[in-house]
Each structure stands twice: as structure tokens, then as C-alpha cells.
Amino acid sequence: MAKRKPNLLFLGIDSLLSLHMSCYGYHRQTTPHIDKFAQGGTLFENTFSPHVPTTPGYGSMFTGRDCFGTNTVALRHKGLLEGKTLAEILG
């Protein structure tokens, strides 16, 4: 029998603060669709952005390495990431 692969979904939303999301306890219902999705999955409560701006942060998220280790710093990245990505590891 083939090994079952995990289902992963990364939500990358610029300029969204968890303090303003109802799934994290905000008093108004601001993110109803994310709230519903989070009820059936895992909601991480202790997270941070690995880097600003967005591009180096994604490099870190998909490799597990610091942005300086992925060579994607300040939107100047050209070419392939060095090392294996999350998709390659789970592949």
C-alpha cells in the first residue's frame, strides 16, 4: 500500500494581524471562512514572520532555513533556491 502523504495548506496573507482575526479571539467576526476552515484543522497560535518583505519569508517557510541561508534577501533573488524545498522533502 502506498504511503499516505499529508495534506498541507499554507495561507500567505500580507498585512494581516492575528489580533484582528475572529479565529484568534477578535470580538468581531472578521474572518468567517478562515474560522470555519480552522475548526477542522490545526490553528497555530505562536507564529511569526521570518523576514520582511514577503519574498524572503516565503523562502524561509518553504525550506525551513533562515532567509540569509536561502539567498532570497530584499527581493534581489534570481534563480533557484539552494537546498531542498518542503515540496521536495514531502514529495
N, C-alpha and C. Protein backbone atom coordinates (compact mmCIF):
# COMPACT_ATOMS: atom_id res chain seq x y z
N MET A 1 0.84 -1.18 0.00
CA MET A 1 0.00 0.00 0.00
C MET A 1 0.89 1.25 0.00
N ALA A 2 0.52 2.24 -0.79
CA ALA A 2 1.30 3.47 -0.89
C ALA A 2 1.19 4.27 0.40
N LYS A 3 2.29 4.91 0.75
CA LYS A 3 2.32 5.75 1.94
C LYS A 3 1.45 7.00 1.70
N ARG A 4 0.59 7.29 2.65
CA ARG A 4 -0.30 8.44 2.52
C ARG A 4 0.48 9.72 2.81
N LYS A 5 0.37 10.68 1.92
CA LYS A 5 1.07 11.95 2.08
C LYS A 5 0.18 12.93 2.83
N PRO A 6 0.78 13.81 3.63
CA PRO A 6 -0.03 14.78 4.39
C PRO A 6 -0.62 15.84 3.48
N ASN A 7 -1.76 16.36 3.89
CA ASN A 7 -2.38 17.49 3.21
C ASN A 7 -1.95 18.76 3.94
N LEU A 8 -1.30 19.65 3.23
CA LEU A 8 -0.84 20.91 3.82
C LEU A 8 -1.38 22.08 3.03
N LEU A 9 -1.77 23.12 3.73
CA LEU A 9 -2.21 24.34 3.09
C LEU A 9 -1.55 25.50 3.81
N PHE A 10 -0.78 26.28 3.09
CA PHE A 10 -0.17 27.48 3.65
C PHE A 10 -0.99 28.67 3.20
N LEU A 11 -1.42 29.49 4.15
CA LEU A 11 -2.11 30.73 3.83
C LEU A 11 -1.11 31.86 3.99
N GLY A 12 -0.81 32.51 2.90
CA GLY A 12 0.10 33.65 2.95
C GLY A 12 -0.65 34.92 2.66
N ILE A 13 -0.87 35.73 3.68
CA ILE A 13 -1.65 36.95 3.52
C ILE A 13 -0.82 38.10 4.08
N ASP A 14 -0.44 39.02 3.22
CA ASP A 14 0.34 40.17 3.66
C ASP A 14 -0.52 41.12 4.49
N SER A 15 0.08 41.69 5.48
CA SER A 15 -0.53 42.74 6.30
C SER A 15 -1.80 42.30 7.02
N LEU A 16 -1.84 41.07 7.47
CA LEU A 16 -2.97 40.59 8.26
C LEU A 16 -2.46 40.23 9.65
N LEU A 17 -2.99 40.89 10.64
CA LEU A 17 -2.57 40.69 12.02
C LEU A 17 -3.53 39.74 12.71
N SER A 18 -3.01 38.72 13.36
CA SER A 18 -3.87 37.73 14.03
C SER A 18 -4.78 38.37 15.08
N LEU A 19 -4.36 39.49 15.64
CA LEU A 19 -5.19 40.17 16.65
C LEU A 19 -6.51 40.65 16.06
N HIS A 20 -6.62 40.73 14.74
CA HIS A 20 -7.84 41.19 14.08
C HIS A 20 -8.59 40.05 13.40
N MET A 21 -8.27 38.82 13.75
CA MET A 21 -8.94 37.65 13.17
C MET A 21 -9.82 36.99 14.22
N SER A 22 -11.08 36.74 13.87
CA SER A 22 -12.00 36.16 14.84
C SER A 22 -11.59 34.76 15.29
N CYS A 23 -10.90 34.00 14.45
CA CYS A 23 -10.46 32.66 14.87
C CYS A 23 -9.40 32.73 15.97
N TYR A 24 -8.80 33.89 16.16
CA TYR A 24 -7.83 34.08 17.24
C TYR A 24 -8.42 34.90 18.39
N GLY A 25 -9.74 35.06 18.40
CA GLY A 25 -10.39 35.70 19.54
C GLY A 25 -10.80 37.15 19.36
N TYR A 26 -10.66 37.71 18.16
CA TYR A 26 -11.10 39.08 17.95
C TYR A 26 -12.61 39.15 18.16
N HIS A 27 -13.10 40.22 18.78
CA HIS A 27 -14.50 40.31 19.20
C HIS A 27 -15.50 40.41 18.04
N ARG A 28 -15.08 40.82 16.86
CA ARG A 28 -15.97 40.85 15.69
C ARG A 28 -15.65 39.68 14.77
N GLN A 29 -16.64 39.24 14.00
CA GLN A 29 -16.41 38.14 13.07
C GLN A 29 -15.81 38.72 11.79
N THR A 30 -14.48 38.72 11.72
CA THR A 30 -13.76 39.34 10.61
C THR A 30 -13.27 38.33 9.58
N THR A 31 -13.12 37.09 9.97
CA THR A 31 -12.56 36.07 9.06
C THR A 31 -13.40 34.80 9.10
N PRO A 32 -14.69 34.86 8.71
CA PRO A 32 -15.57 33.71 8.87
C PRO A 32 -15.14 32.47 8.08
N HIS A 33 -14.61 32.64 6.90
CA HIS A 33 -14.21 31.48 6.10
C HIS A 33 -12.95 30.82 6.66
N ILE A 34 -12.01 31.64 7.10
CA ILE A 34 -10.81 31.09 7.75
C ILE A 34 -11.19 30.42 9.07
N ASP A 35 -12.13 31.02 9.80
CA ASP A 35 -12.59 30.43 11.07
C ASP A 35 -13.15 29.02 10.84
N LYS A 36 -13.99 28.89 9.83
CA LYS A 36 -14.61 27.59 9.53
C LYS A 36 -13.55 26.57 9.14
N PHE A 37 -12.61 26.99 8.32
CA PHE A 37 -11.54 26.09 7.90
C PHE A 37 -10.68 25.68 9.10
N ALA A 38 -10.39 26.61 9.98
CA ALA A 38 -9.54 26.34 11.15
C ALA A 38 -10.19 25.35 12.12
N GLN A 39 -11.51 25.31 12.16
CA GLN A 39 -12.20 24.38 13.07
C GLN A 39 -11.89 22.93 12.74
N GLY A 40 -11.64 22.64 11.47
CA GLY A 40 -11.36 21.26 11.07
C GLY A 40 -9.89 20.97 10.88
N GLY A 41 -9.03 21.90 11.24
CA GLY A 41 -7.59 21.71 11.03
C GLY A 41 -6.80 22.10 12.27
N THR A 42 -5.59 22.50 12.04
CA THR A 42 -4.70 22.92 13.12
C THR A 42 -4.53 24.43 13.04
N LEU A 43 -4.76 25.11 14.13
CA LEU A 43 -4.60 26.55 14.20
C LEU A 43 -3.37 26.85 15.05
N PHE A 44 -2.36 27.41 14.43
CA PHE A 44 -1.12 27.71 15.15
C PHE A 44 -1.25 29.06 15.84
N GLU A 45 -0.92 29.09 17.12
CA GLU A 45 -1.11 30.30 17.91
C GLU A 45 0.19 31.00 18.29
N ASN A 46 1.32 30.41 17.99
CA ASN A 46 2.60 31.02 18.34
C ASN A 46 3.47 31.08 17.08
N THR A 47 3.17 32.02 16.22
CA THR A 47 3.86 32.12 14.94
C THR A 47 4.46 33.51 14.76
N PHE A 48 5.34 33.62 13.80
CA PHE A 48 5.95 34.90 13.49
C PHE A 48 6.40 34.89 12.04
N SER A 49 6.62 36.06 11.50
CA SER A 49 7.14 36.17 10.14
C SER A 49 8.66 36.05 10.21
N PRO A 50 9.24 35.18 9.40
CA PRO A 50 10.69 35.01 9.46
C PRO A 50 11.45 36.18 8.87
N HIS A 51 10.80 37.00 8.05
CA HIS A 51 11.51 38.11 7.43
C HIS A 51 10.53 39.05 6.76
N VAL A 52 10.93 40.27 6.60
CA VAL A 52 10.18 41.28 5.86
C VAL A 52 11.13 41.78 4.78
N PRO A 53 10.73 41.92 3.54
CA PRO A 53 9.41 41.76 2.94
C PRO A 53 9.02 40.30 2.72
N THR A 54 7.98 40.10 1.94
CA THR A 54 7.37 38.79 1.78
C THR A 54 8.27 37.74 1.15
N THR A 55 8.97 38.07 0.07
CA THR A 55 9.73 37.07 -0.68
C THR A 55 10.73 36.29 0.18
N PRO A 56 11.56 36.94 0.98
CA PRO A 56 12.47 36.16 1.83
C PRO A 56 11.72 35.30 2.85
N GLY A 57 10.57 35.78 3.31
CA GLY A 57 9.77 35.00 4.25
C GLY A 57 9.29 33.69 3.65
N TYR A 58 8.87 33.73 2.40
CA TYR A 58 8.44 32.51 1.72
C TYR A 58 9.62 31.57 1.50
N GLY A 59 10.77 32.11 1.18
CA GLY A 59 11.95 31.26 1.05
C GLY A 59 12.23 30.49 2.32
N SER A 60 12.09 31.16 3.46
CA SER A 60 12.28 30.50 4.76
C SER A 60 11.19 29.49 5.04
N MET A 61 9.94 29.86 4.75
CA MET A 61 8.81 28.98 5.05
C MET A 61 8.90 27.67 4.27
N PHE A 62 9.35 27.74 3.03
CA PHE A 62 9.36 26.54 2.20
C PHE A 62 10.66 25.75 2.24
N THR A 63 11.67 26.26 2.95
CA THR A 63 12.91 25.50 3.09
C THR A 63 13.25 25.20 4.54
N GLY A 64 12.64 25.93 5.49
CA GLY A 64 12.98 25.75 6.89
C GLY A 64 14.30 26.39 7.26
N ARG A 65 14.81 27.23 6.40
CA ARG A 65 16.10 27.88 6.64
C ARG A 65 15.91 29.38 6.78
N ASP A 66 16.85 30.02 7.46
CA ASP A 66 16.86 31.46 7.59
C ASP A 66 16.93 32.10 6.20
N CYS A 67 16.36 33.29 6.06
CA CYS A 67 16.33 33.94 4.75
C CYS A 67 17.72 34.15 4.18
N PHE A 68 18.71 34.37 5.03
CA PHE A 68 20.06 34.56 4.53
C PHE A 68 20.65 33.24 4.04
N GLY A 69 20.15 32.13 4.55
CA GLY A 69 20.59 30.82 4.09
C GLY A 69 19.95 30.39 2.79
N THR A 70 18.83 31.03 2.42
CA THR A 70 18.17 30.68 1.16
C THR A 70 18.60 31.61 0.03
N ASN A 71 19.28 32.67 0.36
CA ASN A 71 19.74 33.63 -0.65
C ASN A 71 18.59 34.41 -1.26
N THR A 72 17.48 34.54 -0.55
CA THR A 72 16.36 35.36 -1.03
C THR A 72 16.20 36.55 -0.09
N VAL A 73 17.03 37.54 -0.29
CA VAL A 73 17.05 38.70 0.59
C VAL A 73 16.65 39.95 -0.20
N ALA A 74 15.71 40.70 0.34
CA ALA A 74 15.32 42.02 -0.17
C ALA A 74 14.97 42.03 -1.66
N LEU A 75 14.23 41.03 -2.11
CA LEU A 75 13.71 40.96 -3.47
C LEU A 75 14.77 40.93 -4.56
N ARG A 76 16.00 40.60 -4.22
CA ARG A 76 17.06 40.55 -5.23
C ARG A 76 17.33 39.13 -5.71
N HIS A 77 16.55 38.18 -5.26
CA HIS A 77 16.81 36.77 -5.58
C HIS A 77 16.62 36.50 -7.07
N LYS A 78 17.56 35.78 -7.61
CA LYS A 78 17.47 35.35 -9.01
C LYS A 78 17.88 33.90 -9.06
N GLY A 79 17.06 33.07 -9.68
CA GLY A 79 17.41 31.67 -9.83
C GLY A 79 16.73 30.78 -8.81
N LEU A 80 17.17 29.54 -8.76
CA LEU A 80 16.57 28.53 -7.89
C LEU A 80 17.06 28.67 -6.46
N LEU A 81 16.21 28.24 -5.51
CA LEU A 81 16.63 28.20 -4.12
C LEU A 81 17.70 27.14 -3.93
N GLU A 82 18.62 27.43 -3.03
CA GLU A 82 19.65 26.45 -2.71
C GLU A 82 19.08 25.49 -1.68
N GLY A 83 19.28 24.20 -1.86
CA GLY A 83 18.78 23.21 -0.92
C GLY A 83 17.40 22.72 -1.29
N LYS A 84 16.92 21.74 -0.55
CA LYS A 84 15.61 21.14 -0.83
C LYS A 84 14.49 21.99 -0.27
N THR A 85 13.39 22.01 -1.01
CA THR A 85 12.20 22.72 -0.54
C THR A 85 11.28 21.75 0.19
N LEU A 86 10.28 22.28 0.85
CA LEU A 86 9.32 21.45 1.56
C LEU A 86 8.64 20.47 0.62
N ALA A 87 8.27 20.91 -0.57
CA ALA A 87 7.63 20.01 -1.54
C ALA A 87 8.54 18.86 -1.93
N GLU A 88 9.82 19.14 -2.09
CA GLU A 88 10.77 18.07 -2.45
C GLU A 88 10.95 17.08 -1.30
N ILE A 89 10.97 17.59 -0.08
CA ILE A 89 11.13 16.72 1.09
C ILE A 89 9.91 15.82 1.27
N LEU A 90 8.71 16.38 1.10
CA LEU A 90 7.48 15.60 1.28
C LEU A 90 7.15 14.75 0.07
N GLY A 91 7.71 15.13 -1.10
CA GLY A 91 7.43 14.51 -2.38
C GLY A 91 7.41 13.06 -2.40
